Full PDB file with SEQRES, HELIX, SHEET, SSBOND, CRYST1, ORIGX, SCALE, CONECT and MASTER records, all heavy atoms in Angstrom:
SEQRES   1 A   35  ARG ASP TYR LEU ASP LEU LEU GLY PRO ALA VAL GLY VAL          
SEQRES   2 A   35  LEU PHE ILE GLY PHE ALA GLU GLY LEU GLY ALA ALA LYS          
SEQRES   3 A   35  THR TYR ALA ALA ARG ALA GLY TYR SER                          
HELIX    1 AA1 ASP A    2  ALA A   32  1                                  31    
CRYST1    1.000    1.000    1.000  90.00  90.00  90.00 P 1           1          
ORIGX1      1.000000  0.000000  0.000000        0.00000                         
ORIGX2      0.000000  1.000000  0.000000        0.00000                         
ORIGX3      0.000000  0.000000  1.000000        0.00000                         
SCALE1      1.000000  0.000000  0.000000        0.00000                         
SCALE2      0.000000  1.000000  0.000000        0.00000                         
SCALE3      0.000000  0.000000  1.000000        0.00000                         
ATOM      1  N   ARG A   1       5.998 -20.810  53.006  1.00  0.00           N  
ATOM      2  CA  ARG A   1       6.645 -22.095  52.730  1.00  0.00           C  
ATOM      3  C   ARG A   1       6.274 -22.613  51.335  1.00  0.00           C  
ATOM      4  O   ARG A   1       7.112 -23.195  50.635  1.00  0.00           O  
ATOM      5  CB  ARG A   1       6.207 -23.098  53.791  1.00  0.00           C  
ATOM      6  CG  ARG A   1       6.671 -24.518  53.557  1.00  0.00           C  
ATOM      7  CD  ARG A   1       8.104 -24.665  53.956  1.00  0.00           C  
ATOM      8  NE  ARG A   1       8.624 -25.973  53.650  1.00  0.00           N  
ATOM      9  CZ  ARG A   1       9.738 -26.455  54.147  1.00  0.00           C  
ATOM     10  NH1 ARG A   1      10.439 -25.711  54.992  1.00  0.00           N  
ATOM     11  NH2 ARG A   1      10.164 -27.640  53.827  1.00  0.00           N  
ATOM     12  N   ASP A   2       5.041 -22.392  50.915  1.00  0.00           N  
ATOM     13  CA  ASP A   2       4.612 -22.846  49.592  1.00  0.00           C  
ATOM     14  C   ASP A   2       5.414 -22.159  48.488  1.00  0.00           C  
ATOM     15  O   ASP A   2       5.810 -22.804  47.498  1.00  0.00           O  
ATOM     16  CB  ASP A   2       3.116 -22.558  49.400  1.00  0.00           C  
ATOM     17  CG  ASP A   2       2.245 -23.373  50.326  1.00  0.00           C  
ATOM     18  OD1 ASP A   2       2.450 -24.596  50.400  1.00  0.00           O  
ATOM     19  OD2 ASP A   2       1.370 -22.787  50.987  1.00  0.00           O  
ATOM     20  N   TYR A   3       5.655 -20.873  48.655  1.00  0.00           N  
ATOM     21  CA  TYR A   3       6.439 -20.140  47.642  1.00  0.00           C  
ATOM     22  C   TYR A   3       7.896 -20.607  47.638  1.00  0.00           C  
ATOM     23  O   TYR A   3       8.507 -20.737  46.572  1.00  0.00           O  
ATOM     24  CB  TYR A   3       6.368 -18.640  47.912  1.00  0.00           C  
ATOM     25  CG  TYR A   3       5.025 -18.047  47.594  1.00  0.00           C  
ATOM     26  CD1 TYR A   3       4.050 -17.916  48.583  1.00  0.00           C  
ATOM     27  CD2 TYR A   3       4.714 -17.625  46.303  1.00  0.00           C  
ATOM     28  CE1 TYR A   3       2.800 -17.379  48.290  1.00  0.00           C  
ATOM     29  CE2 TYR A   3       3.476 -17.090  46.000  1.00  0.00           C  
ATOM     30  CZ  TYR A   3       2.516 -16.968  47.002  1.00  0.00           C  
ATOM     31  OH  TYR A   3       1.291 -16.442  46.703  1.00  0.00           O  
ATOM     32  N   LEU A   4       8.436 -20.864  48.818  1.00  0.00           N  
ATOM     33  CA  LEU A   4       9.818 -21.339  48.888  1.00  0.00           C  
ATOM     34  C   LEU A   4       9.965 -22.698  48.225  1.00  0.00           C  
ATOM     35  O   LEU A   4      10.970 -22.972  47.550  1.00  0.00           O  
ATOM     36  CB  LEU A   4      10.269 -21.411  50.351  1.00  0.00           C  
ATOM     37  CG  LEU A   4      10.363 -20.070  51.090  1.00  0.00           C  
ATOM     38  CD1 LEU A   4      10.740 -20.275  52.554  1.00  0.00           C  
ATOM     39  CD2 LEU A   4      11.378 -19.148  50.415  1.00  0.00           C  
ATOM     40  N   ASP A   5       8.954 -23.567  48.386  1.00  0.00           N  
ATOM     41  CA  ASP A   5       8.995 -24.883  47.755  1.00  0.00           C  
ATOM     42  C   ASP A   5       8.954 -24.780  46.229  1.00  0.00           C  
ATOM     43  O   ASP A   5       9.424 -25.687  45.528  1.00  0.00           O  
ATOM     44  CB  ASP A   5       7.815 -25.740  48.235  1.00  0.00           C  
ATOM     45  CG  ASP A   5       7.969 -26.174  49.681  1.00  0.00           C  
ATOM     46  OD1 ASP A   5       9.094 -26.138  50.202  1.00  0.00           O  
ATOM     47  OD2 ASP A   5       6.940 -26.545  50.294  1.00  0.00           O  
ATOM     48  N   LEU A   6       8.389 -23.695  45.729  1.00  0.00           N  
ATOM     49  CA  LEU A   6       8.233 -23.532  44.280  1.00  0.00           C  
ATOM     50  C   LEU A   6       9.415 -22.836  43.615  1.00  0.00           C  
ATOM     51  O   LEU A   6       9.506 -22.819  42.385  1.00  0.00           O  
ATOM     52  CB  LEU A   6       6.953 -22.738  43.977  1.00  0.00           C  
ATOM     53  CG  LEU A   6       5.633 -23.451  44.276  1.00  0.00           C  
ATOM     54  CD1 LEU A   6       4.468 -22.486  44.129  1.00  0.00           C  
ATOM     55  CD2 LEU A   6       5.443 -24.650  43.351  1.00  0.00           C  
ATOM     56  N   LEU A   7      10.324 -22.262  44.409  1.00  0.00           N  
ATOM     57  CA  LEU A   7      11.414 -21.496  43.817  1.00  0.00           C  
ATOM     58  C   LEU A   7      12.330 -22.367  42.951  1.00  0.00           C  
ATOM     59  O   LEU A   7      12.729 -21.967  41.851  1.00  0.00           O  
ATOM     60  CB  LEU A   7      12.228 -20.796  44.906  1.00  0.00           C  
ATOM     61  CG  LEU A   7      11.565 -19.585  45.567  1.00  0.00           C  
ATOM     62  CD1 LEU A   7      12.467 -19.021  46.665  1.00  0.00           C  
ATOM     63  CD2 LEU A   7      11.264 -18.509  44.526  1.00  0.00           C  
ATOM     64  N   GLY A   8      12.668 -23.560  43.451  1.00  0.00           N  
ATOM     65  CA  GLY A   8      13.528 -24.456  42.671  1.00  0.00           C  
ATOM     66  C   GLY A   8      12.896 -24.865  41.349  1.00  0.00           C  
ATOM     67  O   GLY A   8      13.493 -24.680  40.284  1.00  0.00           O  
ATOM     68  N   PRO A   9      11.675 -25.434  41.380  1.00  0.00           N  
ATOM     69  CA  PRO A   9      11.017 -25.769  40.106  1.00  0.00           C  
ATOM     70  C   PRO A   9      10.822 -24.561  39.189  1.00  0.00           C  
ATOM     71  O   PRO A   9      10.863 -24.699  37.968  1.00  0.00           O  
ATOM     72  CB  PRO A   9       9.667 -26.344  40.553  1.00  0.00           C  
ATOM     73  CG  PRO A   9       9.901 -26.851  41.927  1.00  0.00           C  
ATOM     74  CD  PRO A   9      10.909 -25.926  42.527  1.00  0.00           C  
ATOM     75  N   ALA A  10      10.610 -23.382  39.780  1.00  0.00           N  
ATOM     76  CA  ALA A  10      10.393 -22.189  38.963  1.00  0.00           C  
ATOM     77  C   ALA A  10      11.621 -21.856  38.114  1.00  0.00           C  
ATOM     78  O   ALA A  10      11.486 -21.300  37.020  1.00  0.00           O  
ATOM     79  CB  ALA A  10      10.038 -20.995  39.852  1.00  0.00           C  
ATOM     80  N   VAL A  11      12.803 -22.197  38.605  1.00  0.00           N  
ATOM     81  CA  VAL A  11      14.016 -21.972  37.816  1.00  0.00           C  
ATOM     82  C   VAL A  11      13.954 -22.779  36.517  1.00  0.00           C  
ATOM     83  O   VAL A  11      14.295 -22.278  35.437  1.00  0.00           O  
ATOM     84  CB  VAL A  11      15.268 -22.349  38.630  1.00  0.00           C  
ATOM     85  CG1 VAL A  11      16.521 -22.283  37.759  1.00  0.00           C  
ATOM     86  CG2 VAL A  11      15.421 -21.424  39.836  1.00  0.00           C  
ATOM     87  N   GLY A  12      13.505 -24.039  36.636  1.00  0.00           N  
ATOM     88  CA  GLY A  12      13.369 -24.866  35.441  1.00  0.00           C  
ATOM     89  C   GLY A  12      12.342 -24.320  34.477  1.00  0.00           C  
ATOM     90  O   GLY A  12      12.547 -24.310  33.258  1.00  0.00           O  
ATOM     91  N   VAL A  13      11.199 -23.855  35.002  1.00  0.00           N  
ATOM     92  CA  VAL A  13      10.160 -23.271  34.153  1.00  0.00           C  
ATOM     93  C   VAL A  13      10.704 -22.043  33.426  1.00  0.00           C  
ATOM     94  O   VAL A  13      10.504 -21.875  32.215  1.00  0.00           O  
ATOM     95  CB  VAL A  13       8.925 -22.895  34.991  1.00  0.00           C  
ATOM     96  CG1 VAL A  13       7.898 -22.158  34.134  1.00  0.00           C  
ATOM     97  CG2 VAL A  13       8.289 -24.134  35.598  1.00  0.00           C  
ATOM     98  N   LEU A  14      11.401 -21.182  34.160  1.00  0.00           N  
ATOM     99  CA  LEU A  14      11.974 -19.976  33.557  1.00  0.00           C  
ATOM    100  C   LEU A  14      12.995 -20.336  32.489  1.00  0.00           C  
ATOM    101  O   LEU A  14      13.029 -19.736  31.411  1.00  0.00           O  
ATOM    102  CB  LEU A  14      12.624 -19.114  34.643  1.00  0.00           C  
ATOM    103  CG  LEU A  14      13.313 -17.842  34.132  1.00  0.00           C  
ATOM    104  CD1 LEU A  14      12.285 -16.824  33.662  1.00  0.00           C  
ATOM    105  CD2 LEU A  14      14.205 -17.236  35.223  1.00  0.00           C  
ATOM    106  N   PHE A  15      13.807 -21.331  32.781  1.00  0.00           N  
ATOM    107  CA  PHE A  15      14.884 -21.723  31.870  1.00  0.00           C  
ATOM    108  C   PHE A  15      14.321 -22.154  30.523  1.00  0.00           C  
ATOM    109  O   PHE A  15      14.756 -21.691  29.457  1.00  0.00           O  
ATOM    110  CB  PHE A  15      15.683 -22.854  32.519  1.00  0.00           C  
ATOM    111  CG  PHE A  15      16.989 -23.145  31.843  1.00  0.00           C  
ATOM    112  CD1 PHE A  15      17.952 -22.161  31.708  1.00  0.00           C  
ATOM    113  CD2 PHE A  15      17.268 -24.407  31.373  1.00  0.00           C  
ATOM    114  CE1 PHE A  15      19.161 -22.423  31.101  1.00  0.00           C  
ATOM    115  CE2 PHE A  15      18.475 -24.682  30.761  1.00  0.00           C  
ATOM    116  CZ  PHE A  15      19.424 -23.691  30.628  1.00  0.00           C  
ATOM    117  N   ILE A  16      13.324 -23.053  30.558  1.00  0.00           N  
ATOM    118  CA  ILE A  16      12.739 -23.542  29.315  1.00  0.00           C  
ATOM    119  C   ILE A  16      11.952 -22.436  28.613  1.00  0.00           C  
ATOM    120  O   ILE A  16      12.056 -22.246  27.397  1.00  0.00           O  
ATOM    121  CB  ILE A  16      11.836 -24.756  29.592  1.00  0.00           C  
ATOM    122  CG1 ILE A  16      12.698 -25.961  29.945  1.00  0.00           C  
ATOM    123  CG2 ILE A  16      10.963 -25.084  28.387  1.00  0.00           C  
ATOM    124  CD1 ILE A  16      13.662 -26.388  28.864  1.00  0.00           C  
ATOM    125  N   GLY A  17      11.145 -21.698  29.374  1.00  0.00           N  
ATOM    126  CA  GLY A  17      10.372 -20.612  28.773  1.00  0.00           C  
ATOM    127  C   GLY A  17      11.258 -19.556  28.150  1.00  0.00           C  
ATOM    128  O   GLY A  17      10.974 -19.041  27.061  1.00  0.00           O  
ATOM    129  N   PHE A  18      12.358 -19.237  28.806  1.00  0.00           N  
ATOM    130  CA  PHE A  18      13.290 -18.226  28.307  1.00  0.00           C  
ATOM    131  C   PHE A  18      13.972 -18.704  27.024  1.00  0.00           C  
ATOM    132  O   PHE A  18      14.064 -17.960  26.040  1.00  0.00           O  
ATOM    133  CB  PHE A  18      14.321 -17.917  29.388  1.00  0.00           C  
ATOM    134  CG  PHE A  18      15.408 -16.965  28.956  1.00  0.00           C  
ATOM    135  CD1 PHE A  18      15.101 -15.722  28.439  1.00  0.00           C  
ATOM    136  CD2 PHE A  18      16.739 -17.325  29.077  1.00  0.00           C  
ATOM    137  CE1 PHE A  18      16.102 -14.842  28.048  1.00  0.00           C  
ATOM    138  CE2 PHE A  18      17.747 -16.459  28.695  1.00  0.00           C  
ATOM    139  CZ  PHE A  18      17.428 -15.213  28.179  1.00  0.00           C  
ATOM    140  N   ALA A  19      14.428 -19.959  27.029  1.00  0.00           N  
ATOM    141  CA  ALA A  19      15.117 -20.487  25.849  1.00  0.00           C  
ATOM    142  C   ALA A  19      14.188 -20.518  24.641  1.00  0.00           C  
ATOM    143  O   ALA A  19      14.565 -20.134  23.530  1.00  0.00           O  
ATOM    144  CB  ALA A  19      15.652 -21.890  26.147  1.00  0.00           C  
ATOM    145  N   GLU A  20      12.938 -20.971  24.849  1.00  0.00           N  
ATOM    146  CA  GLU A  20      11.987 -21.056  23.742  1.00  0.00           C  
ATOM    147  C   GLU A  20      11.607 -19.658  23.235  1.00  0.00           C  
ATOM    148  O   GLU A  20      11.590 -19.405  22.029  1.00  0.00           O  
ATOM    149  CB  GLU A  20      10.732 -21.804  24.193  1.00  0.00           C  
ATOM    150  CG  GLU A  20       9.735 -22.057  23.076  1.00  0.00           C  
ATOM    151  CD  GLU A  20       8.533 -22.861  23.537  1.00  0.00           C  
ATOM    152  OE1 GLU A  20       8.560 -23.384  24.660  1.00  0.00           O  
ATOM    153  OE2 GLU A  20       7.570 -22.953  22.770  1.00  0.00           O  
ATOM    154  N   GLY A  21      11.304 -18.745  24.152  1.00  0.00           N  
ATOM    155  CA  GLY A  21      10.918 -17.397  23.760  1.00  0.00           C  
ATOM    156  C   GLY A  21      12.044 -16.626  23.112  1.00  0.00           C  
ATOM    157  O   GLY A  21      11.827 -15.885  22.145  1.00  0.00           O  
ATOM    158  N   LEU A  22      13.258 -16.803  23.622  1.00  0.00           N  
ATOM    159  CA  LEU A  22      14.403 -16.083  23.058  1.00  0.00           C  
ATOM    160  C   LEU A  22      14.663 -16.535  21.624  1.00  0.00           C  
ATOM    161  O   LEU A  22      14.991 -15.713  20.755  1.00  0.00           O  
ATOM    162  CB  LEU A  22      15.646 -16.314  23.922  1.00  0.00           C  
ATOM    163  CG  LEU A  22      16.894 -15.508  23.558  1.00  0.00           C  
ATOM    164  CD1 LEU A  22      16.650 -14.018  23.737  1.00  0.00           C  
ATOM    165  CD2 LEU A  22      18.089 -15.951  24.403  1.00  0.00           C  
ATOM    166  N   GLY A  23      14.509 -17.832  21.372  1.00  0.00           N  
ATOM    167  CA  GLY A  23      14.684 -18.325  20.008  1.00  0.00           C  
ATOM    168  C   GLY A  23      13.696 -17.694  19.047  1.00  0.00           C  
ATOM    169  O   GLY A  23      14.053 -17.278  17.945  1.00  0.00           O  
ATOM    170  N   ALA A  24      12.422 -17.606  19.461  1.00  0.00           N  
ATOM    171  CA  ALA A  24      11.405 -16.987  18.615  1.00  0.00           C  
ATOM    172  C   ALA A  24      11.690 -15.503  18.409  1.00  0.00           C  
ATOM    173  O   ALA A  24      11.576 -14.974  17.297  1.00  0.00           O  
ATOM    174  CB  ALA A  24      10.025 -17.171  19.244  1.00  0.00           C  
ATOM    175  N   ALA A  25      12.072 -14.812  19.485  1.00  0.00           N  
ATOM    176  CA  ALA A  25      12.343 -13.371  19.402  1.00  0.00           C  
ATOM    177  C   ALA A  25      13.508 -13.088  18.451  1.00  0.00           C  
ATOM    178  O   ALA A  25      13.445 -12.180  17.606  1.00  0.00           O  
ATOM    179  CB  ALA A  25      12.641 -12.813  20.791  1.00  0.00           C  
ATOM    180  N   LYS A  26      14.571 -13.873  18.552  1.00  0.00           N  
ATOM    181  CA  LYS A  26      15.734 -13.649  17.699  1.00  0.00           C  
ATOM    182  C   LYS A  26      15.421 -13.939  16.227  1.00  0.00           C  
ATOM    183  O   LYS A  26      15.925 -13.251  15.338  1.00  0.00           O  
ATOM    184  CB  LYS A  26      16.900 -14.527  18.176  1.00  0.00           C  
ATOM    185  CG  LYS A  26      17.567 -14.016  19.445  1.00  0.00           C  
ATOM    186  CD  LYS A  26      18.777 -14.859  19.806  1.00  0.00           C  
ATOM    187  CE  LYS A  26      19.537 -14.264  20.978  1.00  0.00           C  
ATOM    188  NZ  LYS A  26      20.725 -15.074  21.336  1.00  0.00           N  
ATOM    189  N   THR A  27      14.593 -14.941  15.997  1.00  0.00           N  
ATOM    190  CA  THR A  27      14.240 -15.289  14.620  1.00  0.00           C  
ATOM    191  C   THR A  27      13.595 -14.113  13.907  1.00  0.00           C  
ATOM    192  O   THR A  27      13.979 -13.744  12.785  1.00  0.00           O  
ATOM    193  CB  THR A  27      13.294 -16.495  14.607  1.00  0.00           C  
ATOM    194  OG1 THR A  27      13.967 -17.622  15.170  1.00  0.00           O  
ATOM    195  CG2 THR A  27      12.849 -16.822  13.186  1.00  0.00           C  
ATOM    196  N   TYR A  28      12.618 -13.483  14.556  1.00  0.00           N  
ATOM    197  CA  TYR A  28      11.892 -12.400  13.900  1.00  0.00           C  
ATOM    198  C   TYR A  28      12.625 -11.070  13.991  1.00  0.00           C  
ATOM    199  O   TYR A  28      12.434 -10.203  13.142  1.00  0.00           O  
ATOM    200  CB  TYR A  28      10.465 -12.330  14.457  1.00  0.00           C  
ATOM    201  CG  TYR A  28       9.638 -13.433  13.871  1.00  0.00           C  
ATOM    202  CD1 TYR A  28       9.616 -14.684  14.465  1.00  0.00           C  
ATOM    203  CD2 TYR A  28       8.968 -13.258  12.672  1.00  0.00           C  
ATOM    204  CE1 TYR A  28       8.921 -15.743  13.895  1.00  0.00           C  
ATOM    205  CE2 TYR A  28       8.277 -14.300  12.085  1.00  0.00           C  
ATOM    206  CZ  TYR A  28       8.252 -15.534  12.703  1.00  0.00           C  
ATOM    207  OH  TYR A  28       7.579 -16.575  12.119  1.00  0.00           O  
ATOM    208  N   ALA A  29      13.476 -10.905  14.982  1.00  0.00           N  
ATOM    209  CA  ALA A  29      14.310  -9.708  15.034  1.00  0.00           C  
ATOM    210  C   ALA A  29      15.301  -9.700  13.868  1.00  0.00           C  
ATOM    211  O   ALA A  29      15.553  -8.659  13.255  1.00  0.00           O  
ATOM    212  CB  ALA A  29      15.055  -9.639  16.363  1.00  0.00           C  
ATOM    213  N   ALA A  30      15.859 -10.876  13.562  1.00  0.00           N  
ATOM    214  CA  ALA A  30      16.801 -10.965  12.447  1.00  0.00           C  
ATOM    215  C   ALA A  30      16.116 -10.614  11.124  1.00  0.00           C  
ATOM    216  O   ALA A  30      16.694  -9.953  10.261  1.00  0.00           O  
ATOM    217  CB  ALA A  30      17.396 -12.370  12.384  1.00  0.00           C  
ATOM    218  N   ARG A  31      14.872 -11.034  10.969  1.00  0.00           N  
ATOM    219  CA  ARG A  31      14.145 -10.749   9.732  1.00  0.00           C  
ATOM    220  C   ARG A  31      13.825  -9.257   9.602  1.00  0.00           C  
ATOM    221  O   ARG A  31      13.799  -8.722   8.489  1.00  0.00           O  
ATOM    222  CB  ARG A  31      12.843 -11.560   9.693  1.00  0.00           C  
ATOM    223  CG  ARG A  31      13.073 -13.059   9.600  1.00  0.00           C  
ATOM    224  CD  ARG A  31      11.754 -13.807   9.533  1.00  0.00           C  
ATOM    225  NE  ARG A  31      11.966 -15.244   9.524  1.00  0.00           N  
ATOM    226  CZ  ARG A  31      10.989 -16.137   9.455  1.00  0.00           C  
ATOM    227  NH1 ARG A  31       9.721 -15.723   9.384  1.00  0.00           N  
ATOM    228  NH2 ARG A  31      11.264 -17.428   9.463  1.00  0.00           N  
ATOM    229  N   ALA A  32      13.567  -8.610  10.737  1.00  0.00           N  
ATOM    230  CA  ALA A  32      13.170  -7.198  10.695  1.00  0.00           C  
ATOM    231  C   ALA A  32      14.351  -6.253  10.875  1.00  0.00           C  
ATOM    232  O   ALA A  32      14.178  -5.037  10.788  1.00  0.00           O  
ATOM    233  CB  ALA A  32      12.120  -6.926  11.770  1.00  0.00           C  
ATOM    234  N   GLY A  33      15.539  -6.789  11.159  1.00  0.00           N  
ATOM    235  CA  GLY A  33      16.729  -5.954  11.233  1.00  0.00           C  
ATOM    236  C   GLY A  33      16.925  -5.196  12.529  1.00  0.00           C  
ATOM    237  O   GLY A  33      17.424  -4.071  12.516  1.00  0.00           O  
ATOM    238  N   TYR A  34      16.535  -5.778  13.645  1.00  0.00           N  
ATOM    239  CA  TYR A  34      16.846  -5.161  14.940  1.00  0.00           C  
ATOM    240  C   TYR A  34      17.410  -6.231  15.865  1.00  0.00           C  
ATOM    241  O   TYR A  34      17.441  -7.414  15.510  1.00  0.00           O  
ATOM    242  CB  TYR A  34      15.614  -4.486  15.548  1.00  0.00           C  
ATOM    243  CG  TYR A  34      14.477  -5.410  15.915  1.00  0.00           C  
ATOM    244  CD1 TYR A  34      14.347  -5.921  17.206  1.00  0.00           C  
ATOM    245  CD2 TYR A  34      13.501  -5.759  14.983  1.00  0.00           C  
ATOM    246  CE1 TYR A  34      13.300  -6.762  17.543  1.00  0.00           C  
ATOM    247  CE2 TYR A  34      12.448  -6.596  15.308  1.00  0.00           C  
ATOM    248  CZ  TYR A  34      12.350  -7.099  16.599  1.00  0.00           C  
ATOM    249  OH  TYR A  34      11.314  -7.925  16.938  1.00  0.00           O  
ATOM    250  N   SER A  35      17.890  -5.838  17.034  1.00  0.00           N  
ATOM    251  CA  SER A  35      18.556  -6.783  17.925  1.00  0.00           C  
ATOM    252  C   SER A  35      17.719  -7.058  19.166  1.00  0.00           C  
ATOM    253  O   SER A  35      16.845  -6.273  19.536  1.00  0.00           O  
ATOM    254  CB  SER A  35      19.939  -6.251  18.338  1.00  0.00           C  
ATOM    255  OG  SER A  35      19.796  -5.021  19.019  1.00  0.00           O  
TER     256      SER A  35                                                      
MASTER        0    0    0    1    0    0    0    6  255    1    0    3          
END                                                                             
């Protein structure tokens, strides 16, 4: 039950973490010439 209660909030954590990390990854990939 504890894990099920955390699934909804975990989506928000993933969403923000993914958006922030993807921005950083794309920034340096563009500088180094890969995708």
